Amino acid sequence: MSGDPVVDLLGSAGPDGASPEARKKIKAKDYERELARLQEELVRLQRWIRHKGLKVVVIFEGRDAAGKGGVIK
């Protein structure tokens, strides 16, 4: 315990809640591979939602230039 409640709550995470490990840069090749995998998963989820006739709301939160537009495309 540091005595500072914010530091105690967040631990080594920064103000955005990300751990130092999460802030490390990854190689472009690894990023593209993970992005493709996640996009494929999203398409499968979309197909399942349509098949089931469900309704879904998706909310994107992030600062300006955080990449929300690219994710939506």
N, C-alpha and C. Protein backbone atom coordinates (compact mmCIF):
# COMPACT_ATOMS: atom_id res chain seq x y z
N MET A 1 0.84 -1.18 0.00
CA MET A 1 0.00 0.00 0.00
C MET A 1 0.88 1.24 0.00
N SER A 2 0.63 2.12 -0.95
CA SER A 2 1.42 3.34 -1.06
C SER A 2 0.87 4.46 -0.19
N GLY A 3 -0.37 4.31 0.23
CA GLY A 3 -1.02 5.40 0.95
C GLY A 3 -1.83 6.30 0.02
N ASP A 4 -1.57 6.20 -1.27
CA ASP A 4 -2.32 6.97 -2.26
C ASP A 4 -3.41 6.05 -2.80
N PRO A 5 -4.69 6.35 -2.55
CA PRO A 5 -5.75 5.43 -2.97
C PRO A 5 -5.80 5.20 -4.48
N VAL A 6 -5.43 6.20 -5.27
CA VAL A 6 -5.45 6.02 -6.73
C VAL A 6 -4.36 5.05 -7.15
N VAL A 7 -3.16 5.23 -6.61
CA VAL A 7 -2.06 4.33 -6.95
C VAL A 7 -2.38 2.92 -6.47
N ASP A 8 -2.96 2.80 -5.29
CA ASP A 8 -3.31 1.49 -4.77
C ASP A 8 -4.35 0.81 -5.65
N LEU A 9 -5.30 1.58 -6.18
CA LEU A 9 -6.35 1.03 -7.03
C LEU A 9 -5.80 0.60 -8.38
N LEU A 10 -5.01 1.46 -9.00
CA LEU A 10 -4.52 1.19 -10.35
C LEU A 10 -3.27 0.32 -10.38
N GLY A 11 -2.55 0.27 -9.29
CA GLY A 11 -1.30 -0.48 -9.29
C GLY A 11 -0.33 0.16 -10.26
N SER A 12 0.25 -0.63 -11.15
CA SER A 12 1.21 -0.09 -12.11
C SER A 12 0.53 0.44 -13.37
N ALA A 13 -0.78 0.36 -13.42
CA ALA A 13 -1.50 0.86 -14.59
C ALA A 13 -1.45 2.38 -14.61
N GLY A 14 -1.48 2.93 -15.80
CA GLY A 14 -1.48 4.37 -15.95
C GLY A 14 -2.88 4.93 -15.81
N PRO A 15 -3.03 6.23 -16.05
CA PRO A 15 -4.35 6.86 -15.90
C PRO A 15 -5.40 6.30 -16.85
N ASP A 16 -4.97 5.69 -17.95
CA ASP A 16 -5.93 5.10 -18.88
C ASP A 16 -6.29 3.67 -18.50
N GLY A 17 -5.69 3.17 -17.43
CA GLY A 17 -5.98 1.82 -16.97
C GLY A 17 -5.14 0.75 -17.63
N ALA A 18 -4.33 1.13 -18.60
CA ALA A 18 -3.50 0.15 -19.31
C ALA A 18 -2.26 -0.18 -18.50
N SER A 19 -1.91 -1.44 -18.50
CA SER A 19 -0.70 -1.87 -17.80
C SER A 19 0.51 -1.51 -18.66
N PRO A 20 1.69 -1.45 -18.05
CA PRO A 20 2.90 -1.19 -18.86
C PRO A 20 3.05 -2.22 -19.97
N GLU A 21 2.68 -3.47 -19.71
CA GLU A 21 2.77 -4.52 -20.73
C GLU A 21 1.86 -4.20 -21.92
N ALA A 22 0.67 -3.68 -21.63
CA ALA A 22 -0.29 -3.38 -22.70
C ALA A 22 0.16 -2.20 -23.55
N ARG A 23 1.04 -1.37 -23.02
CA ARG A 23 1.50 -0.20 -23.77
C ARG A 23 2.66 -0.51 -24.71
N LYS A 24 3.23 -1.70 -24.61
CA LYS A 24 4.36 -2.05 -25.47
C LYS A 24 3.90 -2.12 -26.91
N LYS A 25 4.76 -1.63 -27.80
CA LYS A 25 4.44 -1.69 -29.23
C LYS A 25 4.65 -3.11 -29.73
N ILE A 26 3.79 -3.49 -30.67
CA ILE A 26 3.96 -4.80 -31.29
C ILE A 26 4.38 -4.60 -32.74
N LYS A 27 4.94 -5.63 -33.30
CA LYS A 27 5.38 -5.55 -34.69
C LYS A 27 4.17 -5.43 -35.60
N ALA A 28 4.35 -4.72 -36.71
CA ALA A 28 3.26 -4.49 -37.65
C ALA A 28 2.68 -5.82 -38.15
N LYS A 29 3.53 -6.79 -38.40
CA LYS A 29 3.07 -8.10 -38.89
C LYS A 29 2.17 -8.76 -37.84
N ASP A 30 2.58 -8.69 -36.58
CA ASP A 30 1.78 -9.29 -35.50
C ASP A 30 0.46 -8.54 -35.33
N TYR A 31 0.52 -7.22 -35.47
CA TYR A 31 -0.70 -6.40 -35.36
C TYR A 31 -1.69 -6.79 -36.46
N GLU A 32 -1.20 -6.87 -37.69
CA GLU A 32 -2.07 -7.19 -38.82
C GLU A 32 -2.68 -8.59 -38.66
N ARG A 33 -1.90 -9.53 -38.17
CA ARG A 33 -2.40 -10.89 -37.96
C ARG A 33 -3.52 -10.90 -36.91
N GLU A 34 -3.29 -10.20 -35.80
CA GLU A 34 -4.30 -10.15 -34.74
C GLU A 34 -5.54 -9.39 -35.20
N LEU A 35 -5.34 -8.31 -35.95
CA LEU A 35 -6.46 -7.54 -36.48
C LEU A 35 -7.32 -8.42 -37.39
N ALA A 36 -6.69 -9.18 -38.27
CA ALA A 36 -7.44 -10.06 -39.18
C ALA A 36 -8.22 -11.11 -38.39
N ARG A 37 -7.59 -11.67 -37.36
CA ARG A 37 -8.27 -12.68 -36.54
C ARG A 37 -9.49 -12.09 -35.85
N LEU A 38 -9.34 -10.89 -35.30
CA LEU A 38 -10.46 -10.26 -34.60
C LEU A 38 -11.57 -9.84 -35.56
N GLN A 39 -11.19 -9.40 -36.77
CA GLN A 39 -12.20 -9.05 -37.76
C GLN A 39 -13.00 -10.28 -38.19
N GLU A 40 -12.32 -11.40 -38.35
CA GLU A 40 -13.02 -12.65 -38.70
C GLU A 40 -13.99 -13.04 -37.59
N GLU A 41 -13.56 -12.88 -36.35
CA GLU A 41 -14.44 -13.20 -35.21
C GLU A 41 -15.65 -12.27 -35.20
N LEU A 42 -15.44 -11.01 -35.50
CA LEU A 42 -16.55 -10.06 -35.55
C LEU A 42 -17.55 -10.43 -36.64
N VAL A 43 -17.06 -10.84 -37.80
CA VAL A 43 -17.96 -11.25 -38.88
C VAL A 43 -18.78 -12.47 -38.47
N ARG A 44 -18.14 -13.44 -37.79
CA ARG A 44 -18.88 -14.61 -37.30
C ARG A 44 -19.97 -14.19 -36.32
N LEU A 45 -19.65 -13.28 -35.42
CA LEU A 45 -20.64 -12.78 -34.46
C LEU A 45 -21.79 -12.07 -35.17
N GLN A 46 -21.46 -11.26 -36.17
CA GLN A 46 -22.50 -10.55 -36.93
C GLN A 46 -23.43 -11.54 -37.62
N ARG A 47 -22.88 -12.57 -38.21
CA ARG A 47 -23.71 -13.57 -38.89
C ARG A 47 -24.61 -14.30 -37.89
N TRP A 48 -24.07 -14.63 -36.72
CA TRP A 48 -24.86 -15.30 -35.69
C TRP A 48 -25.99 -14.39 -35.21
N ILE A 49 -25.70 -13.12 -35.02
CA ILE A 49 -26.72 -12.16 -34.57
C ILE A 49 -27.84 -12.06 -35.60
N ARG A 50 -27.49 -11.96 -36.88
CA ARG A 50 -28.51 -11.89 -37.93
C ARG A 50 -29.31 -13.18 -38.00
N HIS A 51 -28.63 -14.31 -37.89
CA HIS A 51 -29.30 -15.61 -37.94
C HIS A 51 -30.32 -15.73 -36.81
N LYS A 52 -29.97 -15.26 -35.63
CA LYS A 52 -30.85 -15.33 -34.46
C LYS A 52 -31.90 -14.22 -34.44
N GLY A 53 -31.75 -13.22 -35.33
CA GLY A 53 -32.70 -12.11 -35.35
C GLY A 53 -32.58 -11.19 -34.15
N LEU A 54 -31.39 -11.11 -33.60
CA LEU A 54 -31.17 -10.28 -32.42
C LEU A 54 -30.90 -8.83 -32.81
N LYS A 55 -31.04 -7.96 -31.84
CA LYS A 55 -30.72 -6.55 -32.02
C LYS A 55 -29.57 -6.22 -31.07
N VAL A 56 -28.60 -5.47 -31.57
CA VAL A 56 -27.40 -5.17 -30.79
C VAL A 56 -27.04 -3.70 -30.96
N VAL A 57 -26.57 -3.11 -29.89
CA VAL A 57 -26.02 -1.76 -29.93
C VAL A 57 -24.54 -1.87 -29.62
N VAL A 58 -23.71 -1.27 -30.46
CA VAL A 58 -22.27 -1.26 -30.24
C VAL A 58 -21.84 0.17 -30.00
N ILE A 59 -21.12 0.38 -28.92
CA ILE A 59 -20.66 1.72 -28.56
C ILE A 59 -19.14 1.75 -28.65
N PHE A 60 -18.62 2.73 -29.37
CA PHE A 60 -17.17 2.90 -29.48
C PHE A 60 -16.79 4.12 -28.66
N GLU A 61 -15.88 3.90 -27.73
CA GLU A 61 -15.40 4.99 -26.89
C GLU A 61 -13.91 5.15 -27.11
N GLY A 62 -13.47 6.37 -27.16
CA GLY A 62 -12.03 6.62 -27.30
C GLY A 62 -11.79 8.08 -27.61
N ARG A 63 -10.58 8.49 -27.37
CA ARG A 63 -10.20 9.87 -27.65
C ARG A 63 -10.11 10.09 -29.15
N ASP A 64 -10.03 11.35 -29.54
CA ASP A 64 -9.84 11.67 -30.95
C ASP A 64 -8.58 10.98 -31.45
N ALA A 65 -8.63 10.51 -32.66
CA ALA A 65 -7.51 9.84 -33.32
C ALA A 65 -7.11 8.54 -32.62
N ALA A 66 -8.06 7.93 -31.89
CA ALA A 66 -7.77 6.68 -31.19
C ALA A 66 -7.97 5.46 -32.09
N GLY A 67 -8.50 5.66 -33.30
CA GLY A 67 -8.68 4.55 -34.22
C GLY A 67 -10.10 4.03 -34.32
N LYS A 68 -11.06 4.75 -33.74
CA LYS A 68 -12.46 4.28 -33.78
C LYS A 68 -12.96 4.17 -35.21
N GLY A 69 -12.68 5.16 -36.03
CA GLY A 69 -13.15 5.16 -37.41
C GLY A 69 -12.61 3.99 -38.20
N GLY A 70 -11.35 3.68 -38.02
CA GLY A 70 -10.75 2.54 -38.70
C GLY A 70 -11.37 1.22 -38.27
N VAL A 71 -11.71 1.12 -37.01
CA VAL A 71 -12.35 -0.10 -36.50
C VAL A 71 -13.73 -0.25 -37.10
N ILE A 72 -14.46 0.84 -37.20
CA ILE A 72 -15.83 0.80 -37.72
C ILE A 72 -15.83 0.42 -39.19
N LYS A 73 -14.86 0.92 -39.96
CA LYS A 73 -14.78 0.59 -41.39
C LYS A 73 -14.59 -0.89 -41.54
